Amino acid sequence: SVSTRHIPGANGVTITIAYAGGTAADPPGREGLASLLAELQFMADAGDLPGRRREEMPGLRPLGWNIKIAPRYVALTENAPVGQFPGVLHQVAQRARGVTVTDAELRAAIATVSADLRGNYRDHVERALYYGVRAAAEPGAPGAADRYASGGGFKGLAPRAVQALLGAR
């Protein structure tokens, strides 16, 4: 469904696409998969759009952007000035139609998401407490935080398989 709200005087537009399939959908042995798929969906080449990197995003989306992976859903958000709305909407639609996963895109996404997971589950104590408690509450809990922090869930993934997983979502 699509929801819109006109707010007179607003100088920005926010577009969020959310779909089912957060961390609770990560299969055993594939911890972090939802995060990896979200990263690729948001950053990889899509149609006539080139891929992008997180370090570019403040220049591309100065009003903000976010990739949120919750236990039951993933939300991809882009904020833009009102004048950029048509172009940003086109870009969001292109990414929703599908992205192209190459070896280089997959390697870059794995590196980025692995660093995020290490920070969330091990390296930054304030985040590790939050994510560790949440992981302990999920099915398959014993050792889940360690499995997320290890990045081991990405071993053996190939672009073609990841492309199929993205298409299924």
Protein backbone atom coordinates (compact mmCIF):
# COMPACT_ATOMS: atom_id res chain seq x y z
CA SER A 1 0.00 0.00 0.00
CA VAL A 2 1.06 3.60 -0.52
CA SER A 3 0.49 6.31 2.05
CA THR A 4 1.01 9.99 1.38
CA ARG A 5 0.54 13.06 3.51
CA HIS A 6 0.71 16.63 2.31
CA ILE A 7 2.32 18.89 4.87
CA PRO A 8 2.22 22.53 3.78
CA GLY A 9 5.62 24.18 4.03
CA ALA A 10 7.56 20.92 4.28
CA ASN A 11 10.91 21.13 2.54
CA GLY A 12 11.55 17.41 2.28
CA VAL A 13 10.02 14.13 1.17
CA THR A 14 10.60 10.75 2.77
CA ILE A 15 10.16 7.52 0.85
CA THR A 16 10.24 4.26 2.80
CA ILE A 17 9.85 0.78 1.38
CA ALA A 18 9.34 -1.94 3.97
CA TYR A 19 9.03 -5.67 3.50
CA ALA A 20 8.79 -8.78 5.66
CA GLY A 21 11.96 -10.71 6.31
CA GLY A 22 14.17 -9.27 9.03
CA THR A 23 16.67 -11.01 11.27
CA ALA A 24 14.13 -13.60 12.44
CA ALA A 25 14.01 -14.87 8.82
CA ASP A 26 17.76 -15.53 8.73
CA PRO A 27 18.16 -19.29 8.27
CA PRO A 28 20.44 -21.13 10.71
CA GLY A 29 24.00 -20.76 9.47
CA ARG A 30 23.08 -17.65 7.45
CA GLU A 31 23.00 -15.12 10.29
CA GLY A 32 23.13 -11.62 8.84
CA LEU A 33 21.48 -12.57 5.54
CA ALA A 34 18.61 -10.06 5.94
CA SER A 35 21.17 -7.31 6.55
CA LEU A 36 23.20 -8.32 3.49
CA LEU A 37 20.14 -8.42 1.24
CA ALA A 38 19.00 -5.00 2.49
CA GLU A 39 22.45 -3.52 1.86
CA LEU A 40 22.44 -4.83 -1.70
CA GLN A 41 18.85 -3.73 -2.34
CA PHE A 42 19.75 -0.19 -1.24
CA MET A 43 23.22 0.14 -2.75
CA ALA A 44 23.72 -2.13 -5.81
CA ASP A 45 23.28 -1.21 -9.49
CA ALA A 46 19.62 -1.12 -10.52
CA GLY A 47 18.45 -0.69 -14.11
CA ASP A 48 20.09 2.50 -15.39
CA LEU A 49 21.27 3.47 -11.88
CA PRO A 50 24.87 2.92 -10.83
CA GLY A 51 25.62 1.38 -7.48
CA ARG A 52 26.35 3.65 -4.57
CA ARG A 53 28.37 3.44 -1.35
CA ARG A 54 27.54 4.57 2.16
CA GLU A 55 30.25 7.23 2.09
CA GLU A 56 28.48 8.83 -0.90
CA MET A 57 25.06 8.91 0.72
CA PRO A 58 25.39 12.21 2.65
CA GLY A 59 25.99 13.95 -0.69
CA LEU A 60 23.23 12.04 -2.49
CA ARG A 61 20.68 12.28 0.34
CA PRO A 62 21.68 15.28 2.49
CA LEU A 63 18.35 15.13 4.33
CA GLY A 64 19.11 11.56 5.38
CA TRP A 65 18.74 7.89 4.57
CA ASN A 66 18.46 4.66 6.56
CA ILE A 67 18.57 0.90 6.26
CA LYS A 68 16.71 -0.68 9.19
CA ILE A 69 16.72 -4.41 9.79
CA ALA A 70 14.32 -5.39 12.55
CA PRO A 71 13.44 -8.92 13.61
CA ARG A 72 10.35 -9.12 11.37
CA TYR A 73 10.87 -6.49 8.66
CA VAL A 74 13.36 -4.45 6.65
CA ALA A 75 12.80 -0.74 5.91
CA LEU A 76 14.76 1.26 3.34
CA THR A 77 14.34 5.03 3.66
CA GLU A 78 15.47 7.97 1.53
CA ASN A 79 14.85 11.62 2.38
CA ALA A 80 15.15 14.31 -0.29
CA PRO A 81 14.29 17.93 -0.94
CA VAL A 82 10.82 18.33 -2.47
CA GLY A 83 12.35 19.37 -5.81
CA GLN A 84 14.20 16.04 -6.06
CA PHE A 85 11.09 13.95 -5.39
CA PRO A 86 10.44 12.79 -8.99
CA GLY A 87 14.04 11.65 -9.46
CA VAL A 88 14.26 9.95 -6.08
CA LEU A 89 10.93 8.21 -6.66
CA HIS A 90 12.27 6.93 -10.01
CA GLN A 91 15.39 5.63 -8.29
CA VAL A 92 13.42 3.90 -5.51
CA ALA A 93 11.17 2.29 -8.14
CA GLN A 94 14.20 1.10 -10.14
CA ARG A 95 15.68 -0.52 -7.03
CA ALA A 96 12.31 -2.09 -6.17
CA ARG A 97 12.23 -3.67 -9.65
CA GLY A 98 15.51 -5.36 -8.88
CA VAL A 99 19.20 -4.79 -8.47
CA THR A 100 22.16 -6.44 -10.17
CA VAL A 101 24.48 -8.37 -7.88
CA THR A 102 28.04 -8.64 -9.18
CA ASP A 103 31.06 -10.18 -7.48
CA ALA A 104 32.33 -6.69 -6.64
CA GLU A 105 28.95 -5.53 -5.26
CA LEU A 106 28.64 -8.69 -3.16
CA ARG A 107 32.17 -8.35 -1.75
CA ALA A 108 31.58 -4.69 -0.87
CA ALA A 109 28.24 -5.45 0.79
CA ILE A 110 29.71 -8.35 2.77
CA ALA A 111 32.55 -6.13 4.02
CA THR A 112 30.17 -3.35 5.05
CA VAL A 113 27.60 -5.60 6.71
CA SER A 114 30.26 -7.72 8.43
CA ALA A 115 31.72 -4.56 10.00
CA ASP A 116 28.23 -3.48 11.10
CA LEU A 117 27.51 -6.87 12.64
CA ARG A 118 30.86 -6.97 14.48
CA GLY A 119 30.09 -3.52 15.88
CA ASN A 120 26.55 -4.44 16.85
CA TYR A 121 27.25 -7.84 18.38
CA ARG A 122 30.83 -7.59 19.68
CA ASP A 123 32.98 -4.49 19.24
CA HIS A 124 30.79 -1.71 20.68
CA VAL A 125 29.60 -2.73 24.12
CA GLU A 126 26.62 -0.35 24.20
CA ARG A 127 25.28 -1.85 20.96
CA ALA A 128 26.39 -5.39 21.77
CA LEU A 129 24.24 -5.34 24.92
CA TYR A 130 21.18 -4.27 22.96
CA TYR A 131 21.64 -6.66 20.04
CA GLY A 132 22.90 -9.50 22.23
CA VAL A 133 19.82 -9.44 24.45
CA ARG A 134 17.60 -9.36 21.37
CA ALA A 135 19.51 -12.27 19.79
CA ALA A 136 19.18 -14.25 23.02
CA ALA A 137 15.39 -13.97 22.77
CA GLU A 138 15.21 -15.36 19.23
CA PRO A 139 14.83 -19.05 18.30
CA GLY A 140 18.20 -20.78 18.06
CA ALA A 141 19.49 -18.31 20.64
CA PRO A 142 22.53 -20.08 22.12
CA GLY A 143 25.52 -18.47 20.42
CA ALA A 144 23.43 -16.36 18.01
CA ALA A 145 25.26 -13.12 18.87
CA ASP A 146 28.62 -14.80 18.23
CA ARG A 147 27.38 -16.16 14.90
CA TYR A 148 26.21 -12.69 13.82
CA ALA A 149 29.50 -11.09 14.92
CA SER A 150 31.58 -13.67 13.03
CA GLY A 151 30.13 -12.91 9.58
CA GLY A 152 30.21 -16.66 8.99
CA GLY A 153 26.71 -16.57 7.54
CA PHE A 154 28.13 -15.09 4.33
CA LYS A 155 30.59 -17.88 3.54
CA GLY A 156 30.04 -19.47 0.16
CA LEU A 157 27.45 -16.96 -1.07
CA ALA A 158 27.62 -16.33 -4.81
CA PRO A 159 26.07 -13.45 -6.77
CA ARG A 160 23.62 -15.69 -8.61
CA ALA A 161 22.24 -17.19 -5.38
CA VAL A 162 21.97 -13.78 -3.72
CA GLN A 163 20.25 -12.39 -6.84
CA ALA A 164 17.65 -15.19 -6.54
CA LEU A 165 17.12 -14.45 -2.83
CA LEU A 166 16.56 -10.76 -3.59
CA GLY A 167 14.11 -11.65 -6.33
CA ALA A 168 12.15 -13.83 -3.93
CA ARG A 169 11.83 -10.95 -1.46
